[in-house]
Structure formats: C-alpha cells, structure tokens
PDB file of N, CA and C in Angstrom:
ATOM      1  N   MET A   1       0.852  -1.170   0.000  1.00  0.00           N
ATOM      2  CA  MET A   1       0.000   0.000   0.000  1.00  0.00           C
ATOM      3  C   MET A   1       0.902   1.239   0.000  1.00  0.00           C
ATOM      4  N   GLU A   2       0.633   2.141  -0.897  1.00  0.00           N
ATOM      5  CA  GLU A   2       1.423   3.363  -1.010  1.00  0.00           C
ATOM      6  C   GLU A   2       1.250   4.216   0.249  1.00  0.00           C
ATOM      7  N   GLN A   3       2.279   4.977   0.578  1.00  0.00           N
ATOM      8  CA  GLN A   3       2.221   5.795   1.787  1.00  0.00           C
ATOM      9  C   GLN A   3       1.117   6.840   1.735  1.00  0.00           C
ATOM     10  N   GLN A   4       0.820   7.360   0.559  1.00  0.00           N
ATOM     11  CA  GLN A   4      -0.269   8.329   0.439  1.00  0.00           C
ATOM     12  C   GLN A   4      -1.594   7.669   0.812  1.00  0.00           C
ATOM     13  N   ASN A   5      -1.805   6.434   0.352  1.00  0.00           N
ATOM     14  CA  ASN A   5      -3.022   5.704   0.701  1.00  0.00           C
ATOM     15  C   ASN A   5      -3.040   5.333   2.182  1.00  0.00           C
ATOM     16  N   GLN A   6      -1.866   5.071   2.750  1.00  0.00           N
ATOM     17  CA  GLN A   6      -1.791   4.791   4.185  1.00  0.00           C
ATOM     18  C   GLN A   6      -2.296   5.993   4.988  1.00  0.00           C
ATOM     19  N   GLN A   7      -1.835   7.162   4.602  1.00  0.00           N
ATOM     20  CA  GLN A   7      -2.244   8.388   5.304  1.00  0.00           C
ATOM     21  C   GLN A   7      -3.725   8.662   5.092  1.00  0.00           C
ATOM     22  N   THR A   8      -4.215   8.448   3.881  1.00  0.00           N
ATOM     23  CA  THR A   8      -5.634   8.658   3.582  1.00  0.00           C
ATOM     24  C   THR A   8      -6.492   7.733   4.431  1.00  0.00           C
ATOM     25  N   LEU A   9      -6.131   6.452   4.492  1.00  0.00           N
ATOM     26  CA  LEU A   9      -6.887   5.487   5.279  1.00  0.00           C
ATOM     27  C   LEU A   9      -6.895   5.886   6.751  1.00  0.00           C
ATOM     28  N   THR A  10      -5.739   6.219   7.281  1.00  0.00           N
ATOM     29  CA  THR A  10      -5.641   6.627   8.684  1.00  0.00           C
ATOM     30  C   THR A  10      -6.514   7.847   8.954  1.00  0.00           C
ATOM     31  N   ASN A  11      -6.452   8.835   8.090  1.00  0.00           N
ATOM     32  CA  ASN A  11      -7.239  10.064   8.280  1.00  0.00           C
ATOM     33  C   ASN A  11      -8.738   9.794   8.203  1.00  0.00           C
ATOM     34  N   LEU A  12      -9.167   8.970   7.254  1.00  0.00           N
ATOM     35  CA  LEU A  12     -10.599   8.672   7.115  1.00  0.00           C
ATOM     36  C   LEU A  12     -11.136   7.916   8.331  1.00  0.00           C
ATOM     37  N   VAL A  13     -10.371   6.941   8.810  1.00  0.00           N
ATOM     38  CA  VAL A  13     -10.808   6.190   9.983  1.00  0.00           C
ATOM     39  C   VAL A  13     -10.845   7.105  11.204  1.00  0.00           C
ATOM     40  N   TYR A  14      -9.849   7.958  11.338  1.00  0.00           N
ATOM     41  CA  TYR A  14      -9.832   8.905  12.455  1.00  0.00           C
ATOM     42  C   TYR A  14     -11.034   9.848  12.382  1.00  0.00           C
ATOM     43  N   ASP A  15     -11.360  10.299  11.181  1.00  0.00           N
ATOM     44  CA  ASP A  15     -12.527  11.188  11.001  1.00  0.00           C
ATOM     45  C   ASP A  15     -13.806  10.540  11.510  1.00  0.00           C
ATOM     46  N   ILE A  16     -14.030   9.267  11.159  1.00  0.00           N
ATOM     47  CA  ILE A  16     -15.275   8.634  11.610  1.00  0.00           C
ATOM     48  C   ILE A  16     -15.203   8.249  13.083  1.00  0.00           C
ATOM     49  N   TYR A  17     -13.992   8.053  13.597  1.00  0.00           N
ATOM     50  CA  TYR A  17     -13.848   7.816  15.032  1.00  0.00           C
ATOM     51  C   TYR A  17     -14.278   9.070  15.791  1.00  0.00           C
ATOM     52  N   GLU A  18     -13.866  10.215  15.304  1.00  0.00           N
ATOM     53  CA  GLU A  18     -14.206  11.492  15.937  1.00  0.00           C
ATOM     54  C   GLU A  18     -15.651  11.918  15.672  1.00  0.00           C
ATOM     55  N   ASN A  19     -16.167  11.557  14.498  1.00  0.00           N
ATOM     56  CA  ASN A  19     -17.518  11.975  14.113  1.00  0.00           C
ATOM     57  C   ASN A  19     -18.228  10.803  13.437  1.00  0.00           C
ATOM     58  N   PRO A  20     -18.872   9.934  14.225  1.00  0.00           N
ATOM     59  CA  PRO A  20     -19.509   8.731  13.679  1.00  0.00           C
ATOM     60  C   PRO A  20     -20.576   8.990  12.612  1.00  0.00           C
ATOM     61  N   THR A  21     -21.080  10.199  12.513  1.00  0.00           N
ATOM     62  CA  THR A  21     -22.080  10.481  11.479  1.00  0.00           C
ATOM     63  C   THR A  21     -21.471  10.399  10.076  1.00  0.00           C
ATOM     64  N   LEU A  22     -20.151  10.368   9.991  1.00  0.00           N
ATOM     65  CA  LEU A  22     -19.473  10.288   8.689  1.00  0.00           C
ATOM     66  C   LEU A  22     -19.289   8.860   8.193  1.00  0.00           C
ATOM     67  N   ILE A  23     -19.746   7.879   8.990  1.00  0.00           N
ATOM     68  CA  ILE A  23     -19.507   6.473   8.638  1.00  0.00           C
ATOM     69  C   ILE A  23     -19.993   6.144   7.231  1.00  0.00           C
ATOM     70  N   GLU A  24     -21.230   6.448   6.932  1.00  0.00           N
ATOM     71  CA  GLU A  24     -21.767   6.077   5.616  1.00  0.00           C
ATOM     72  C   GLU A  24     -21.019   6.772   4.488  1.00  0.00           C
ATOM     73  N   LYS A  25     -20.688   8.026   4.680  1.00  0.00           N
ATOM     74  CA  LYS A  25     -19.984   8.790   3.649  1.00  0.00           C
ATOM     75  C   LYS A  25     -18.576   8.244   3.425  1.00  0.00           C
ATOM     76  N   HIS A  26     -17.869   7.925   4.507  1.00  0.00           N
ATOM     77  CA  HIS A  26     -16.482   7.485   4.398  1.00  0.00           C
ATOM     78  C   HIS A  26     -16.345   5.995   4.106  1.00  0.00           C
ATOM     79  N   GLN A  27     -17.363   5.211   4.403  1.00  0.00           N
ATOM     80  CA  GLN A  27     -17.255   3.764   4.215  1.00  0.00           C
ATOM     81  C   GLN A  27     -16.930   3.413   2.764  1.00  0.00           C
ATOM     82  N   VAL A  28     -17.539   4.105   1.822  1.00  0.00           N
ATOM     83  CA  VAL A  28     -17.287   3.811   0.405  1.00  0.00           C
ATOM     84  C   VAL A  28     -15.849   4.148   0.011  1.00  0.00           C
ATOM     85  N   LEU A  29     -15.228   5.074   0.744  1.00  0.00           N
ATOM     86  CA  LEU A  29     -13.834   5.427   0.472  1.00  0.00           C
ATOM     87  C   LEU A  29     -12.868   4.487   1.193  1.00  0.00           C
ATOM     88  N   ILE A  30     -13.271   4.027   2.369  1.00  0.00           N
ATOM     89  CA  ILE A  30     -12.400   3.195   3.197  1.00  0.00           C
ATOM     90  C   ILE A  30     -12.342   1.752   2.706  1.00  0.00           C
ATOM     91  N   ASN A  31     -13.467   1.198   2.264  1.00  0.00           N
ATOM     92  CA  ASN A  31     -13.498  -0.219   1.873  1.00  0.00           C
ATOM     93  C   ASN A  31     -12.437  -0.594   0.837  1.00  0.00           C
ATOM     94  N   PRO A  32     -12.265   0.168  -0.251  1.00  0.00           N
ATOM     95  CA  PRO A  32     -11.207  -0.205  -1.214  1.00  0.00           C
ATOM     96  C   PRO A  32      -9.803  -0.099  -0.601  1.00  0.00           C
ATOM     97  N   LEU A  33      -9.613   0.855   0.305  1.00  0.00           N
ATOM     98  CA  LEU A  33      -8.313   1.000   0.952  1.00  0.00           C
ATOM     99  C   LEU A  33      -8.038  -0.186   1.879  1.00  0.00           C
ATOM    100  N   LEU A  34      -9.071  -0.670   2.559  1.00  0.00           N
ATOM    101  CA  LEU A  34      -8.904  -1.849   3.407  1.00  0.00           C
ATOM    102  C   LEU A  34      -8.568  -3.087   2.571  1.00  0.00           C
ATOM    103  N   ARG A  35      -9.224  -3.223   1.431  1.00  0.00           N
ATOM    104  CA  ARG A  35      -8.915  -4.355   0.540  1.00  0.00           C
ATOM    105  C   ARG A  35      -7.456  -4.280   0.078  1.00  0.00           C
ATOM    106  N   ASP A  36      -7.003  -3.079  -0.260  1.00  0.00           N
ATOM    107  CA  ASP A  36      -5.622  -2.871  -0.678  1.00  0.00           C
ATOM    108  C   ASP A  36      -4.662  -3.175   0.471  1.00  0.00           C
ATOM    109  N   LEU A  37      -5.025  -2.771   1.677  1.00  0.00           N
ATOM    110  CA  LEU A  37      -4.202  -3.037   2.858  1.00  0.00           C
ATOM    111  C   LEU A  37      -3.952  -4.534   3.014  1.00  0.00           C
ATOM    112  N   VAL A  38      -5.011  -5.316   2.909  1.00  0.00           N
ATOM    113  CA  VAL A  38      -4.898  -6.769   3.070  1.00  0.00           C
ATOM    114  C   VAL A  38      -4.155  -7.389   1.882  1.00  0.00           C
ATOM    115  N   ALA A  39      -4.466  -6.935   0.685  1.00  0.00           N
ATOM    116  CA  ALA A  39      -3.866  -7.518  -0.528  1.00  0.00           C
ATOM    117  C   ALA A  39      -2.362  -7.257  -0.628  1.00  0.00           C
ATOM    118  N   THR A  40      -1.898  -6.143  -0.076  1.00  0.00           N
ATOM    119  CA  THR A  40      -0.494  -5.770  -0.224  1.00  0.00           C
ATOM    120  C   THR A  40       0.324  -5.980   1.051  1.00  0.00           C
ATOM    121  N   ALA A  41      -0.236  -6.678   2.018  1.00  0.00           N
ATOM    122  CA  ALA A  41       0.478  -6.911   3.282  1.00  0.00           C
ATOM    123  C   ALA A  41       1.754  -7.704   3.020  1.00  0.00           C
ATOM    124  N   PRO A  42       2.866  -7.223   3.550  1.00  0.00           N
ATOM    125  CA  PRO A  42       4.122  -7.969   3.379  1.00  0.00           C
ATOM    126  C   PRO A  42       4.066  -9.319   4.103  1.00  0.00           C
ATOM    127  N   ALA A  43       4.909 -10.225   3.685  1.00  0.00           N
ATOM    128  CA  ALA A  43       4.972 -11.547   4.311  1.00  0.00           C
ATOM    129  C   ALA A  43       5.196 -11.387   5.811  1.00  0.00           C
ATOM    130  N   GLY A  44       4.402 -12.097   6.561  1.00  0.00           N
ATOM    131  CA  GLY A  44       4.483 -12.035   8.010  1.00  0.00           C
ATOM    132  C   GLY A  44       3.534 -11.033   8.640  1.00  0.00           C
ATOM    133  N   PHE A  45       2.955 -10.166   7.830  1.00  0.00           N
ATOM    134  CA  PHE A  45       2.047  -9.145   8.345  1.00  0.00           C
ATOM    135  C   PHE A  45       0.606  -9.349   7.877  1.00  0.00           C
ATOM    136  N   GLU A  46       0.359 -10.462   7.207  1.00  0.00           N
ATOM    137  CA  GLU A  46      -0.982 -10.710   6.671  1.00  0.00           C
ATOM    138  C   GLU A  46      -2.041 -10.764   7.777  1.00  0.00           C
ATOM    139  N   GLY A  47      -1.707 -11.427   8.881  1.00  0.00           N
ATOM    140  CA  GLY A  47      -2.653 -11.548   9.991  1.00  0.00           C
ATOM    141  C   GLY A  47      -2.983 -10.209  10.621  1.00  0.00           C
ATOM    142  N   MET A  48      -1.980  -9.367  10.756  1.00  0.00           N
ATOM    143  CA  MET A  48      -2.201  -8.042  11.341  1.00  0.00           C
ATOM    144  C   MET A  48      -3.082  -7.196  10.420  1.00  0.00           C
ATOM    145  N   ALA A  49      -2.826  -7.258   9.119  1.00  0.00           N
ATOM    146  CA  ALA A  49      -3.632  -6.504   8.161  1.00  0.00           C
ATOM    147  C   ALA A  49      -5.086  -6.986   8.188  1.00  0.00           C
ATOM    148  N   THR A  50      -5.271  -8.298   8.289  1.00  0.00           N
ATOM    149  CA  THR A  50      -6.621  -8.860   8.353  1.00  0.00           C
ATOM    150  C   THR A  50      -7.326  -8.430   9.633  1.00  0.00           C
ATOM    151  N   MET A  51      -6.602  -8.405  10.747  1.00  0.00           N
ATOM    152  CA  MET A  51      -7.181  -7.986  12.022  1.00  0.00           C
ATOM    153  C   MET A  51      -7.607  -6.512  11.969  1.00  0.00           C
ATOM    154  N   ILE A  52      -6.794  -5.676  11.370  1.00  0.00           N
ATOM    155  CA  ILE A  52      -7.136  -4.254  11.218  1.00  0.00           C
ATOM    156  C   ILE A  52      -8.402  -4.127  10.386  1.00  0.00           C
ATOM    157  N   ASN A  53      -8.446  -4.862   9.280  1.00  0.00           N
ATOM    158  CA  ASN A  53      -9.620  -4.852   8.413  1.00  0.00           C
ATOM    159  C   ASN A  53     -10.869  -5.262   9.198  1.00  0.00           C
ATOM    160  N   THR A  54     -10.743  -6.293  10.014  1.00  0.00           N
ATOM    161  CA  THR A  54     -11.882  -6.786  10.798  1.00  0.00           C
ATOM    162  C   THR A  54     -12.366  -5.736  11.787  1.00  0.00           C
ATOM    163  N   HIS A  55     -11.452  -5.119  12.518  1.00  0.00           N
ATOM    164  CA  HIS A  55     -11.856  -4.107  13.502  1.00  0.00           C
ATOM    165  C   HIS A  55     -12.577  -2.932  12.836  1.00  0.00           C
ATOM    166  N   ILE A  56     -12.001  -2.426  11.783  1.00  0.00           N
ATOM    167  CA  ILE A  56     -12.599  -1.256  11.125  1.00  0.00           C
ATOM    168  C   ILE A  56     -13.921  -1.637  10.476  1.00  0.00           C
ATOM    169  N   SER A  57     -13.977  -2.796   9.850  1.00  0.00           N
ATOM    170  CA  SER A  57     -15.236  -3.252   9.243  1.00  0.00           C
ATOM    171  C   SER A  57     -16.313  -3.463  10.305  1.00  0.00           C
ATOM    172  N   ASN A  58     -15.929  -3.968  11.475  1.00  0.00           N
ATOM    173  CA  ASN A  58     -16.890  -4.118  12.571  1.00  0.00           C
ATOM    174  C   ASN A  58     -17.422  -2.767  13.020  1.00  0.00           C
ATOM    175  N   GLY A  59     -16.610  -1.742  12.934  1.00  0.00           N
ATOM    176  CA  GLY A  59     -17.067  -0.394  13.263  1.00  0.00           C
ATOM    177  C   GLY A  59     -18.215   0.041  12.369  1.00  0.00           C
ATOM    178  N   PHE A  60     -18.224  -0.464  11.132  1.00  0.00           N
ATOM    179  CA  PHE A  60     -19.318  -0.140  10.209  1.00  0.00           C
ATOM    180  C   PHE A  60     -20.560  -0.971  10.498  1.00  0.00           C
ATOM    181  N   LYS A  61     -20.375  -2.191  10.956  1.00  0.00           N
ATOM    182  CA  LYS A  61     -21.487  -3.127  11.133  1.00  0.00           C
ATOM    183  C   LYS A  61     -22.369  -2.800  12.326  1.00  0.00           C
ATOM    184  N   PHE A  62     -21.749  -2.429  13.426  1.00  0.00           N
ATOM    185  CA  PHE A  62     -22.500  -2.219  14.658  1.00  0.00           C
ATOM    186  C   PHE A  62     -23.135  -0.840  14.689  1.00  0.00           C
ATOM    187  N   LYS A  63     -24.327  -0.768  15.251  1.00  0.00           N
ATOM    188  CA  LYS A  63     -25.047   0.504  15.345  1.00  0.00           C
ATOM    189  C   LYS A  63     -24.848   1.173  16.696  1.00  0.00           C
ATOM    190  N   ASN A  64     -24.394   0.412  17.692  1.00  0.00           N
ATOM    191  CA  ASN A  64     -24.151   0.963  19.016  1.00  0.00           C
ATOM    192  C   ASN A  64     -22.902   1.849  18.960  1.00  0.00           C
ATOM    193  N   PRO A  65     -23.044   3.143  19.271  1.00  0.00           N
ATOM    194  CA  PRO A  65     -21.905   4.064  19.172  1.00  0.00           C
ATOM    195  C   PRO A  65     -20.702   3.657  20.027  1.00  0.00           C
ATOM    196  N   LYS A  66     -20.945   3.053  21.177  1.00  0.00           N
ATOM    197  CA  LYS A  66     -19.826   2.636  22.033  1.00  0.00           C
ATOM    198  C   LYS A  66     -19.033   1.505  21.384  1.00  0.00           C
ATOM    199  N   ILE A  67     -19.733   0.581  20.764  1.00  0.00           N
ATOM    200  CA  ILE A  67     -19.052  -0.526  20.078  1.00  0.00           C
ATOM    201  C   ILE A  67     -18.316   0.002  18.848  1.00  0.00           C
ATOM    202  N   GLN A  68     -18.961   0.909  18.110  1.00  0.00           N
ATOM    203  CA  GLN A  68     -18.309   1.512  16.949  1.00  0.00           C
ATOM    204  C   GLN A  68     -17.006   2.183  17.365  1.00  0.00           C
ATOM    205  N   LYS A  69     -17.064   2.985  18.422  1.00  0.00           N
ATOM    206  CA  LYS A  69     -15.874   3.690  18.902  1.00  0.00           C
ATOM    207  C   LYS A  69     -14.773   2.707  19.288  1.00  0.00           C
ATOM    208  N   PHE A  70     -15.160   1.648  20.007  1.00  0.00           N
ATOM    209  CA  PHE A  70     -14.183   0.645  20.436  1.00  0.00           C
ATOM    210  C   PHE A  70     -13.511  -0.001  19.229  1.00  0.00           C
ATOM    211  N   GLU A  71     -14.304  -0.439  18.269  1.00  0.00           N
ATOM    212  CA  GLU A  71     -13.757  -1.118  17.093  1.00  0.00           C
ATOM    213  C   GLU A  71     -12.869  -0.182  16.272  1.00  0.00           C
ATOM    214  N   LEU A  72     -13.319   1.040  16.083  1.00  0.00           N
ATOM    215  CA  LEU A  72     -12.529   1.995  15.301  1.00  0.00           C
ATOM    216  C   LEU A  72     -11.234   2.368  16.017  1.00  0.00           C
ATOM    217  N   GLU A  73     -11.314   2.538  17.336  1.00  0.00           N
ATOM    218  CA  GLU A  73     -10.113   2.861  18.097  1.00  0.00           C
ATOM    219  C   GLU A  73      -9.118   1.703  18.036  1.00  0.00           C
ATOM    220  N   SER A  74      -9.616   0.479  18.189  1.00  0.00           N
ATOM    221  CA  SER A  74      -8.748  -0.703  18.095  1.00  0.00           C
ATOM    222  C   SER A  74      -8.090  -0.767  16.723  1.00  0.00           C
ATOM    223  N   GLY A  75      -8.882  -0.540  15.683  1.00  0.00           N
ATOM    224  CA  GLY A  75      -8.349  -0.545  14.325  1.00  0.00           C
ATOM    225  C   GLY A  75      -7.307   0.536  14.105  1.00  0.00           C
ATOM    226  N   LEU A  76      -7.573   1.729  14.626  1.00  0.00           N
ATOM    227  CA  LEU A  76      -6.633   2.843  14.465  1.00  0.00           C
ATOM    228  C   LEU A  76      -5.301   2.569  15.164  1.00  0.00           C
ATOM    229  N   LEU A  77      -5.372   2.076  16.382  1.00  0.00           N
ATOM    230  CA  LEU A  77      -4.135   1.788  17.121  1.00  0.00           C
ATOM    231  C   LEU A  77      -3.290   0.746  16.385  1.00  0.00           C
ATOM    232  N   LYS A  78      -3.935  -0.294  15.913  1.00  0.00           N
ATOM    233  CA  LYS A  78      -3.218  -1.347  15.195  1.00  0.00           C
ATOM    234  C   LYS A  78      -2.716  -0.836  13.841  1.00  0.00           C
ATOM    235  N   LEU A  79      -3.513   0.000  13.203  1.00  0.00           N
ATOM    236  CA  LEU A  79      -3.140   0.563  11.903  1.00  0.00           C
ATOM    237  C   LEU A  79      -1.870   1.395  12.014  1.00  0.00           C
ATOM    238  N   LYS A  80      -1.807   2.249  13.019  1.00  0.00           N
ATOM    239  CA  LYS A  80      -0.623   3.095  13.195  1.00  0.00           C
ATOM    240  C   LYS A  80       0.616   2.250  13.463  1.00  0.00           C
ATOM    241  N   THR A  81       0.473   1.237  14.310  1.00  0.00           N
ATOM    242  CA  THR A  81       1.599   0.342  14.614  1.00  0.00           C
ATOM    243  C   THR A  81       2.032  -0.413  13.358  1.00  0.00           C
ATOM    244  N   TYR A  82       1.051  -0.911  12.620  1.00  0.00           N
ATOM    245  CA  TYR A  82       1.314  -1.657  11.388  1.00  0.00           C
ATOM    246  C   TYR A  82       2.120  -0.808  10.403  1.00  0.00           C
ATOM    247  N   PHE A  83       1.672   0.422  10.167  1.00  0.00           N
ATOM    248  CA  PHE A  83       2.385   1.282   9.217  1.00  0.00           C
ATOM    249  C   PHE A  83       3.777   1.623   9.697  1.00  0.00           C
ATOM    250  N   GLN A  84       3.940   1.805  11.000  1.00  0.00           N
ATOM    251  CA  GLN A  84       5.282   2.077  11.527  1.00  0.00           C
ATOM    252  C   GLN A  84       6.214   0.898  11.248  1.00  0.00           C
ATOM    253  N   LYS A  85       5.710  -0.319  11.437  1.00  0.00           N
ATOM    254  CA  LYS A  85       6.541  -1.510  11.260  1.00  0.00           C
ATOM    255  C   LYS A  85       6.876  -1.777   9.792  1.00  0.00           C
ATOM    256  N   ILE A  86       5.910  -1.599   8.903  1.00  0.00           N
ATOM    257  CA  ILE A  86       6.191  -1.928   7.494  1.00  0.00           C
ATOM    258  C   ILE A  86       6.951  -0.805   6.774  1.00  0.00           C
ATOM    259  N   ASN A  87       6.972   0.376   7.337  1.00  0.00           N
ATOM    260  CA  ASN A  87       7.650   1.494   6.671  1.00  0.00           C
ATOM    261  C   ASN A  87       9.059   1.715   7.183  1.00  0.00           C
ATOM    262  N   LEU A  88       9.610   0.782   7.937  1.00  0.00           N
ATOM    263  CA  LEU A  88      10.984   0.929   8.449  1.00  0.00           C
ATOM    264  C   LEU A  88      11.990   0.875   7.327  1.00  0.00           C
TER     265      LEU A  88
END
C-alpha cells in the first residue's frame, strides 16, 4: 500500500472515530483501501492486516456508538503500529 493511501486510510478512519455520522460517507472510500491493505500486506504481516480490516469493518457493522468507537479505536491503534513496522 502506497504511503499516500496509508495516510488517507488513517485520516478517514480517524474522522469517523471522531464523528460517527461520517460512517456512511467514508465507508465507500475506506473499503477499497482496506482491501488494498490486506492484498499488499508484506509476508508475516498478513494476519495483522486482516485484524485491522476486521476491527474497522466491525465499526461499520455495529449501530451501538460505544461498540463503533471501540472497534474503530482498536483498528486505528493497530493501523498506526502496522504502518510504523512496514515502513521501516
């Protein structure tokens, strides 16, 4: 995944974490980036990329704002760590 797309994905997820009303608007932008994240995961990082995808996707599925926040926050924390590790 290109670094520009990494930053875009991080920013979009952060936006919906801060303002859950943006979920529907941003979901169409985030889904292709999540697919790219999983498809381009370096060897050894496939599981982490899949876990990030699951957390963020769960944020879209649940309607309870507390669960959405939890899933998005979990995804964001893992996403930042993931990008730090693969961009060394």
